[in-house]
Amino acid sequence: MTKQNMLPALPKMVTFSLTIEEGEQAKLMAFMSSDSWERAEKARHATIQECTNSLKHCVMWAQRDCGSSRVFAHFLASLYNGYRVKADVSDIGALDPENFEHLINVLRLCYMTQREPHTFVVNGSEVFEGVISQWDMEKKCNG
C-alpha cells in the first residue's frame, strides 16, 4: 500500500451563496460553529434507551421555570393526560433542534411501546401531577 492510499479521503465540498441581513453574520457564524445540528442528528436515530433518556431530559426541563420549560411541561402533561391538559403544538417551533428531537423521541417512545410517559419515570404519576400543578394547567370550571 502506498503512502497516498493511506490518507483519508477529502470531504466533497459544495459552494452556495447566502444573503442575510447586515449585522447577522455573527449569529450565523455562532450557529455554524455550534454542534446543535450534530446533537439533533444523533437524537433522530435514538434507540428505546436513548428515547427514555430524552424523556428524562424533557421532564427535567418541564420542572424548571426558564426558557423552553413551558413547552416541555405542556407537551408532557398533554401526553400524560390529554383530557385534562391540551398542548399548543405551535409552541414546539420555539425549541432548538436538539430539544425538538428530544421531544419527538418522547413521542416516539410512547408510540413504539404503547405506554404512557409517566410509566418510564420513578413515581411518574406524582412527577407529572407535579408538573401540571407547577404550571397551573388544570382545566378551570366556569360554573
N, C-alpha and C. Protein backbone atom coordinates (compact mmCIF):
# COMPACT_ATOMS: atom_id res chain seq x y z
N MET A 1 0.84 -1.17 0.00
CA MET A 1 0.00 0.00 0.00
C MET A 1 0.89 1.23 0.00
N THR A 2 0.62 2.17 -0.88
CA THR A 2 1.43 3.38 -0.96
C THR A 2 0.97 4.38 0.09
N LYS A 3 1.82 5.33 0.36
CA LYS A 3 1.50 6.37 1.33
C LYS A 3 0.27 7.15 0.90
N GLN A 4 0.10 7.36 -0.39
CA GLN A 4 -1.04 8.11 -0.91
C GLN A 4 -2.35 7.38 -0.59
N ASN A 5 -2.38 6.05 -0.64
CA ASN A 5 -3.59 5.28 -0.37
C ASN A 5 -3.97 5.30 1.11
N MET A 6 -3.04 5.65 1.98
CA MET A 6 -3.31 5.63 3.42
C MET A 6 -3.94 6.93 3.91
N LEU A 7 -3.93 7.96 3.11
CA LEU A 7 -4.51 9.24 3.52
C LEU A 7 -6.03 9.17 3.47
N PRO A 8 -6.69 9.81 4.44
CA PRO A 8 -8.15 9.80 4.40
C PRO A 8 -8.67 10.61 3.20
N ALA A 9 -9.81 10.18 2.69
CA ALA A 9 -10.41 10.89 1.56
C ALA A 9 -10.85 12.27 2.02
N LEU A 10 -10.65 13.25 1.18
CA LEU A 10 -11.08 14.60 1.49
C LEU A 10 -12.59 14.69 1.33
N PRO A 11 -13.25 15.46 2.19
CA PRO A 11 -14.70 15.60 2.06
C PRO A 11 -15.03 16.36 0.77
N LYS A 12 -16.16 16.00 0.17
CA LYS A 12 -16.61 16.71 -1.02
C LYS A 12 -17.17 18.04 -0.56
N MET A 13 -16.85 19.07 -1.27
CA MET A 13 -17.26 20.41 -0.89
C MET A 13 -18.37 20.90 -1.83
N VAL A 14 -19.22 21.77 -1.30
CA VAL A 14 -20.32 22.38 -2.05
C VAL A 14 -20.21 23.88 -1.86
N THR A 15 -20.45 24.63 -2.91
CA THR A 15 -20.44 26.08 -2.83
C THR A 15 -21.86 26.59 -2.97
N PHE A 16 -22.24 27.51 -2.11
CA PHE A 16 -23.56 28.13 -2.23
C PHE A 16 -23.45 29.58 -1.81
N SER A 17 -24.45 30.35 -2.17
CA SER A 17 -24.49 31.76 -1.84
C SER A 17 -25.64 32.00 -0.86
N LEU A 18 -25.41 32.86 0.12
CA LEU A 18 -26.41 33.13 1.14
C LEU A 18 -26.48 34.64 1.35
N THR A 19 -27.67 35.15 1.38
CA THR A 19 -27.88 36.57 1.66
C THR A 19 -28.62 36.70 2.97
N ILE A 20 -28.01 37.43 3.91
CA ILE A 20 -28.63 37.64 5.21
C ILE A 20 -28.60 39.13 5.53
N GLU A 21 -29.39 39.52 6.54
CA GLU A 21 -29.42 40.93 6.93
C GLU A 21 -28.06 41.36 7.47
N GLU A 22 -27.74 42.61 7.22
CA GLU A 22 -26.49 43.16 7.73
C GLU A 22 -26.49 43.05 9.26
N GLY A 23 -25.40 42.66 9.82
CA GLY A 23 -25.28 42.52 11.26
C GLY A 23 -25.62 41.13 11.78
N GLU A 24 -26.07 40.25 10.91
CA GLU A 24 -26.45 38.89 11.32
C GLU A 24 -25.32 37.87 11.11
N GLN A 25 -24.17 38.33 10.63
CA GLN A 25 -23.07 37.42 10.36
C GLN A 25 -22.61 36.69 11.62
N ALA A 26 -22.52 37.40 12.74
CA ALA A 26 -22.05 36.78 13.97
C ALA A 26 -23.02 35.67 14.42
N LYS A 27 -24.30 35.93 14.26
CA LYS A 27 -25.31 34.93 14.62
C LYS A 27 -25.17 33.69 13.75
N LEU A 28 -24.98 33.88 12.45
CA LEU A 28 -24.80 32.76 11.53
C LEU A 28 -23.54 31.98 11.88
N MET A 29 -22.46 32.67 12.15
CA MET A 29 -21.20 32.00 12.46
C MET A 29 -21.33 31.23 13.79
N ALA A 30 -22.05 31.77 14.77
CA ALA A 30 -22.24 31.06 16.03
C ALA A 30 -23.01 29.77 15.79
N PHE A 31 -24.03 29.84 14.95
CA PHE A 31 -24.81 28.64 14.62
C PHE A 31 -23.94 27.62 13.89
N MET A 32 -23.18 28.08 12.91
CA MET A 32 -22.36 27.17 12.11
C MET A 32 -21.25 26.52 12.93
N SER A 33 -20.76 27.22 13.96
CA SER A 33 -19.68 26.64 14.75
C SER A 33 -20.19 25.83 15.94
N SER A 34 -21.50 25.85 16.18
CA SER A 34 -22.05 25.03 17.28
C SER A 34 -22.23 23.60 16.81
N ASP A 35 -22.51 22.73 17.73
CA ASP A 35 -22.74 21.33 17.37
C ASP A 35 -24.22 20.95 17.53
N SER A 36 -25.12 21.94 17.51
CA SER A 36 -26.54 21.65 17.74
C SER A 36 -27.12 20.75 16.66
N TRP A 37 -26.70 20.92 15.41
CA TRP A 37 -27.23 20.05 14.35
C TRP A 37 -26.77 18.62 14.57
N GLU A 38 -25.52 18.43 14.93
CA GLU A 38 -24.99 17.09 15.17
C GLU A 38 -25.69 16.42 16.34
N ARG A 39 -25.95 17.18 17.42
CA ARG A 39 -26.67 16.62 18.56
C ARG A 39 -28.09 16.25 18.16
N ALA A 40 -28.74 17.08 17.36
CA ALA A 40 -30.10 16.78 16.89
C ALA A 40 -30.10 15.55 15.99
N GLU A 41 -29.10 15.43 15.14
CA GLU A 41 -29.00 14.27 14.24
C GLU A 41 -28.85 12.98 15.05
N LYS A 42 -28.06 13.03 16.10
CA LYS A 42 -27.90 11.85 16.97
C LYS A 42 -29.23 11.49 17.62
N ALA A 43 -29.97 12.49 18.08
CA ALA A 43 -31.26 12.23 18.71
C ALA A 43 -32.27 11.64 17.73
N ARG A 44 -32.17 12.00 16.45
CA ARG A 44 -33.11 11.49 15.45
C ARG A 44 -33.00 9.98 15.25
N HIS A 45 -31.88 9.40 15.60
CA HIS A 45 -31.66 7.98 15.39
C HIS A 45 -31.57 7.23 16.72
N ALA A 46 -32.40 7.63 17.67
CA ALA A 46 -32.31 7.14 19.03
C ALA A 46 -32.91 5.74 19.19
N THR A 47 -32.31 4.97 20.08
CA THR A 47 -32.83 3.67 20.50
C THR A 47 -33.89 3.90 21.58
N ILE A 48 -34.55 2.83 22.02
CA ILE A 48 -35.53 2.94 23.10
C ILE A 48 -34.87 3.54 24.35
N GLN A 49 -33.67 3.08 24.68
CA GLN A 49 -32.98 3.61 25.86
C GLN A 49 -32.69 5.10 25.69
N GLU A 50 -32.26 5.48 24.50
CA GLU A 50 -31.97 6.90 24.26
C GLU A 50 -33.26 7.73 24.28
N CYS A 51 -34.37 7.13 23.80
CA CYS A 51 -35.66 7.83 23.88
C CYS A 51 -36.07 8.00 25.34
N THR A 52 -35.79 7.00 26.16
CA THR A 52 -36.08 7.11 27.58
C THR A 52 -35.22 8.21 28.21
N ASN A 53 -33.99 8.32 27.79
CA ASN A 53 -33.13 9.41 28.26
C ASN A 53 -33.67 10.76 27.80
N SER A 54 -34.23 10.81 26.59
CA SER A 54 -34.86 12.05 26.11
C SER A 54 -36.04 12.42 27.00
N LEU A 55 -36.81 11.42 27.42
CA LEU A 55 -37.93 11.69 28.33
C LEU A 55 -37.42 12.31 29.63
N LYS A 56 -36.36 11.75 30.18
CA LYS A 56 -35.79 12.30 31.41
C LYS A 56 -35.32 13.74 31.19
N HIS A 57 -34.73 13.99 30.03
CA HIS A 57 -34.29 15.35 29.67
C HIS A 57 -35.49 16.30 29.64
N CYS A 58 -36.57 15.86 29.00
CA CYS A 58 -37.76 16.71 28.87
C CYS A 58 -38.42 16.96 30.22
N VAL A 59 -38.49 15.92 31.06
CA VAL A 59 -39.08 16.09 32.39
C VAL A 59 -38.25 17.08 33.20
N MET A 60 -36.93 16.97 33.12
CA MET A 60 -36.06 17.90 33.84
C MET A 60 -36.36 19.34 33.41
N TRP A 61 -36.51 19.57 32.12
CA TRP A 61 -36.81 20.91 31.62
C TRP A 61 -38.20 21.35 32.06
N ALA A 62 -39.17 20.44 32.03
CA ALA A 62 -40.55 20.78 32.41
C ALA A 62 -40.64 21.21 33.87
N GLN A 63 -39.73 20.72 34.70
CA GLN A 63 -39.76 21.05 36.12
C GLN A 63 -39.01 22.35 36.44
N ARG A 64 -38.41 22.95 35.45
CA ARG A 64 -37.72 24.23 35.63
C ARG A 64 -38.70 25.37 35.34
N ASP A 65 -38.21 26.55 35.50
CA ASP A 65 -39.02 27.74 35.18
C ASP A 65 -38.17 28.69 34.34
N CYS A 66 -37.79 28.21 33.15
CA CYS A 66 -36.97 29.04 32.29
C CYS A 66 -37.08 28.58 30.84
N GLY A 67 -36.72 29.44 29.94
CA GLY A 67 -36.62 29.10 28.53
C GLY A 67 -37.77 28.29 27.99
N SER A 68 -37.47 27.09 27.53
CA SER A 68 -38.45 26.22 26.88
C SER A 68 -39.22 25.35 27.86
N SER A 69 -39.10 25.61 29.14
CA SER A 69 -39.73 24.76 30.15
C SER A 69 -41.24 24.62 29.93
N ARG A 70 -41.91 25.71 29.61
CA ARG A 70 -43.36 25.68 29.44
C ARG A 70 -43.76 24.78 28.28
N VAL A 71 -42.98 24.81 27.20
CA VAL A 71 -43.27 23.95 26.04
C VAL A 71 -43.19 22.48 26.44
N PHE A 72 -42.12 22.12 27.13
CA PHE A 72 -41.96 20.74 27.59
C PHE A 72 -43.08 20.36 28.56
N ALA A 73 -43.38 21.24 29.50
CA ALA A 73 -44.40 20.95 30.51
C ALA A 73 -45.76 20.68 29.86
N HIS A 74 -46.18 21.54 28.96
CA HIS A 74 -47.48 21.35 28.32
C HIS A 74 -47.51 20.11 27.44
N PHE A 75 -46.44 19.86 26.70
CA PHE A 75 -46.39 18.68 25.85
C PHE A 75 -46.47 17.40 26.68
N LEU A 76 -45.65 17.31 27.73
CA LEU A 76 -45.63 16.11 28.56
C LEU A 76 -46.96 15.92 29.30
N ALA A 77 -47.52 17.01 29.82
CA ALA A 77 -48.79 16.90 30.53
C ALA A 77 -49.91 16.45 29.60
N SER A 78 -49.90 16.93 28.38
CA SER A 78 -50.91 16.52 27.41
C SER A 78 -50.73 15.07 27.01
N LEU A 79 -49.49 14.64 26.87
CA LEU A 79 -49.21 13.24 26.54
C LEU A 79 -49.60 12.32 27.71
N TYR A 80 -49.44 12.82 28.91
CA TYR A 80 -49.79 12.09 30.12
C TYR A 80 -51.31 11.99 30.28
N ASN A 81 -52.01 13.11 30.08
CA ASN A 81 -53.46 13.11 30.23
C ASN A 81 -54.06 14.20 29.35
N GLY A 82 -54.30 13.84 28.11
CA GLY A 82 -54.81 14.78 27.12
C GLY A 82 -56.22 15.26 27.38
N TYR A 83 -56.97 14.55 28.22
CA TYR A 83 -58.31 15.01 28.57
C TYR A 83 -58.25 16.23 29.48
N ARG A 84 -57.23 16.28 30.33
CA ARG A 84 -57.09 17.38 31.28
C ARG A 84 -56.26 18.53 30.76
N VAL A 85 -55.25 18.23 29.97
CA VAL A 85 -54.31 19.26 29.51
C VAL A 85 -54.17 19.18 28.00
N LYS A 86 -54.34 20.31 27.35
CA LYS A 86 -54.17 20.40 25.90
C LYS A 86 -52.92 21.22 25.61
N ALA A 87 -52.03 20.66 24.83
CA ALA A 87 -50.81 21.38 24.45
C ALA A 87 -51.05 22.16 23.17
N ASP A 88 -50.46 23.33 23.08
CA ASP A 88 -50.47 24.11 21.85
C ASP A 88 -49.26 23.68 21.04
N VAL A 89 -49.48 22.82 20.05
CA VAL A 89 -48.35 22.25 19.32
C VAL A 89 -47.56 23.30 18.54
N SER A 90 -48.14 24.46 18.30
CA SER A 90 -47.37 25.51 17.60
C SER A 90 -46.20 25.99 18.46
N ASP A 91 -46.28 25.80 19.78
CA ASP A 91 -45.18 26.19 20.67
C ASP A 91 -43.91 25.39 20.42
N ILE A 92 -44.05 24.19 19.83
CA ILE A 92 -42.90 23.34 19.59
C ILE A 92 -41.88 24.04 18.69
N GLY A 93 -42.35 24.94 17.84
CA GLY A 93 -41.46 25.69 16.95
C GLY A 93 -40.46 26.57 17.68
N ALA A 94 -40.69 26.82 18.96
CA ALA A 94 -39.77 27.65 19.74
C ALA A 94 -38.55 26.86 20.23
N LEU A 95 -38.58 25.54 20.09
CA LEU A 95 -37.47 24.72 20.57
C LEU A 95 -36.30 24.75 19.61
N ASP A 96 -35.09 24.62 20.15
CA ASP A 96 -33.92 24.49 19.29
C ASP A 96 -33.92 23.07 18.71
N PRO A 97 -33.11 22.81 17.69
CA PRO A 97 -33.14 21.49 17.04
C PRO A 97 -32.92 20.31 17.98
N GLU A 98 -32.01 20.44 18.92
CA GLU A 98 -31.74 19.32 19.84
C GLU A 98 -32.96 19.04 20.72
N ASN A 99 -33.54 20.07 21.32
CA ASN A 99 -34.69 19.87 22.19
C ASN A 99 -35.92 19.41 21.42
N PHE A 100 -36.06 19.86 20.18
CA PHE A 100 -37.14 19.35 19.33
C PHE A 100 -37.01 17.84 19.18
N GLU A 101 -35.81 17.36 18.90
CA GLU A 101 -35.60 15.93 18.72
C GLU A 101 -35.85 15.17 20.02
N HIS A 102 -35.49 15.75 21.17
CA HIS A 102 -35.80 15.10 22.44
C HIS A 102 -37.31 14.96 22.60
N LEU A 103 -38.04 16.01 22.28
CA LEU A 103 -39.49 15.97 22.39
C LEU A 103 -40.09 14.92 21.45
N ILE A 104 -39.59 14.87 20.23
CA ILE A 104 -40.06 13.87 19.26
C ILE A 104 -39.71 12.46 19.74
N ASN A 105 -38.55 12.30 20.37
CA ASN A 105 -38.17 10.99 20.90
C ASN A 105 -39.13 10.53 21.99
N VAL A 106 -39.64 11.47 22.79
CA VAL A 106 -40.62 11.10 23.81
C VAL A 106 -41.89 10.59 23.13
N LEU A 107 -42.32 11.29 22.11
CA LEU A 107 -43.49 10.85 21.35
C LEU A 107 -43.23 9.49 20.71
N ARG A 108 -42.05 9.33 20.14
CA ARG A 108 -41.64 8.05 19.52
C ARG A 108 -41.63 6.92 20.56
N LEU A 109 -41.11 7.21 21.75
CA LEU A 109 -41.06 6.22 22.83
C LEU A 109 -42.46 5.74 23.20
N CYS A 110 -43.36 6.67 23.40
CA CYS A 110 -44.72 6.30 23.79
C CYS A 110 -45.43 5.57 22.66
N TYR A 111 -45.19 5.97 21.44
CA TYR A 111 -45.81 5.31 20.28
C TYR A 111 -45.28 3.89 20.11
N MET A 112 -43.97 3.73 20.14
CA MET A 112 -43.36 2.42 19.90
C MET A 112 -43.69 1.42 21.01
N THR A 113 -43.79 1.88 22.24
CA THR A 113 -44.03 0.97 23.36
C THR A 113 -45.50 0.88 23.74
N GLN A 114 -46.32 1.79 23.19
CA GLN A 114 -47.73 1.88 23.55
C GLN A 114 -47.91 2.03 25.07
N ARG A 115 -47.04 2.87 25.64
CA ARG A 115 -47.09 3.17 27.07
C ARG A 115 -47.18 4.67 27.27
N GLU A 116 -47.75 5.06 28.39
CA GLU A 116 -47.82 6.48 28.73
C GLU A 116 -46.48 6.92 29.32
N PRO A 117 -46.14 8.20 29.17
CA PRO A 117 -44.80 8.64 29.55
C PRO A 117 -44.48 8.48 31.04
N HIS A 118 -45.47 8.62 31.89
CA HIS A 118 -45.19 8.53 33.33
C HIS A 118 -44.75 7.14 33.75
N THR A 119 -45.02 6.12 32.92
CA THR A 119 -44.64 4.75 33.28
C THR A 119 -43.14 4.51 33.16
N PHE A 120 -42.42 5.43 32.56
CA PHE A 120 -40.97 5.30 32.40
C PHE A 120 -40.21 6.04 33.49
N VAL A 121 -40.93 6.75 34.37
CA VAL A 121 -40.31 7.61 35.37
C VAL A 121 -40.65 7.07 36.76
N VAL A 122 -39.67 7.03 37.65
CA VAL A 122 -39.91 6.63 39.03
C VAL A 122 -40.92 7.61 39.63
N ASN A 123 -41.96 7.08 40.26
CA ASN A 123 -43.05 7.91 40.81
C ASN A 123 -43.63 8.81 39.73
N GLY A 124 -43.78 8.25 38.54
CA GLY A 124 -44.18 9.02 37.37
C GLY A 124 -45.46 9.80 37.52
N SER A 125 -46.49 9.20 38.10
CA SER A 125 -47.76 9.92 38.28
C SER A 125 -47.55 11.15 39.14
N GLU A 126 -46.79 11.01 40.23
CA GLU A 126 -46.51 12.15 41.11
C GLU A 126 -45.72 13.22 40.37
N VAL A 127 -44.74 12.80 39.59
CA VAL A 127 -43.90 13.74 38.84
C VAL A 127 -44.76 14.53 37.85
N PHE A 128 -45.59 13.84 37.08
CA PHE A 128 -46.40 14.50 36.07
C PHE A 128 -47.50 15.35 36.70
N GLU A 129 -48.09 14.88 37.79
CA GLU A 129 -49.08 15.70 38.51
C GLU A 129 -48.41 16.95 39.06
N GLY A 130 -47.17 16.82 39.50
CA GLY A 130 -46.42 17.98 39.99
C GLY A 130 -46.18 19.00 38.90
N VAL A 131 -45.87 18.54 37.69
CA VAL A 131 -45.67 19.47 36.56
C VAL A 131 -46.98 20.18 36.24
N ILE A 132 -48.09 19.44 36.22
CA ILE A 132 -49.40 20.05 35.95
C ILE A 132 -49.71 21.12 36.99
N SER A 133 -49.45 20.80 38.25
CA SER A 133 -49.69 21.75 39.33
C SER A 133 -48.76 22.95 39.24
N GLN A 134 -47.47 22.68 39.03
CA GLN A 134 -46.47 23.75 38.97
C GLN A 134 -46.81 24.78 37.90
N TRP A 135 -47.29 24.31 36.75
CA TRP A 135 -47.60 25.21 35.64
C TRP A 135 -49.08 25.60 35.60
N ASP A 136 -49.84 25.23 36.63
CA ASP A 136 -51.26 25.60 36.75
C ASP A 136 -52.03 25.26 35.47
N MET A 137 -51.90 24.00 35.05
CA MET A 137 -52.52 23.57 33.79
C MET A 137 -53.87 22.91 33.96
N GLU A 138 -54.31 22.73 35.20
CA GLU A 138 -55.60 22.07 35.42
C GLU A 138 -56.70 22.93 34.79
N LYS A 139 -57.59 22.28 34.06
CA LYS A 139 -58.72 23.00 33.45
C LYS A 139 -59.57 23.60 34.57
N LYS A 140 -60.02 24.82 34.35
CA LYS A 140 -60.86 25.50 35.33
C LYS A 140 -62.32 25.35 34.91
N CYS A 141 -63.18 25.11 35.89
CA CYS A 141 -64.62 25.04 35.62
C CYS A 141 -65.18 26.45 35.63
N ASN A 142 -66.01 26.75 34.67
CA ASN A 142 -66.64 28.07 34.58
C ASN A 142 -68.07 28.02 35.10
N GLY A 143 -68.32 27.22 36.11
CA GLY A 143 -69.68 27.03 36.58
C GLY A 143 -70.01 27.77 37.77
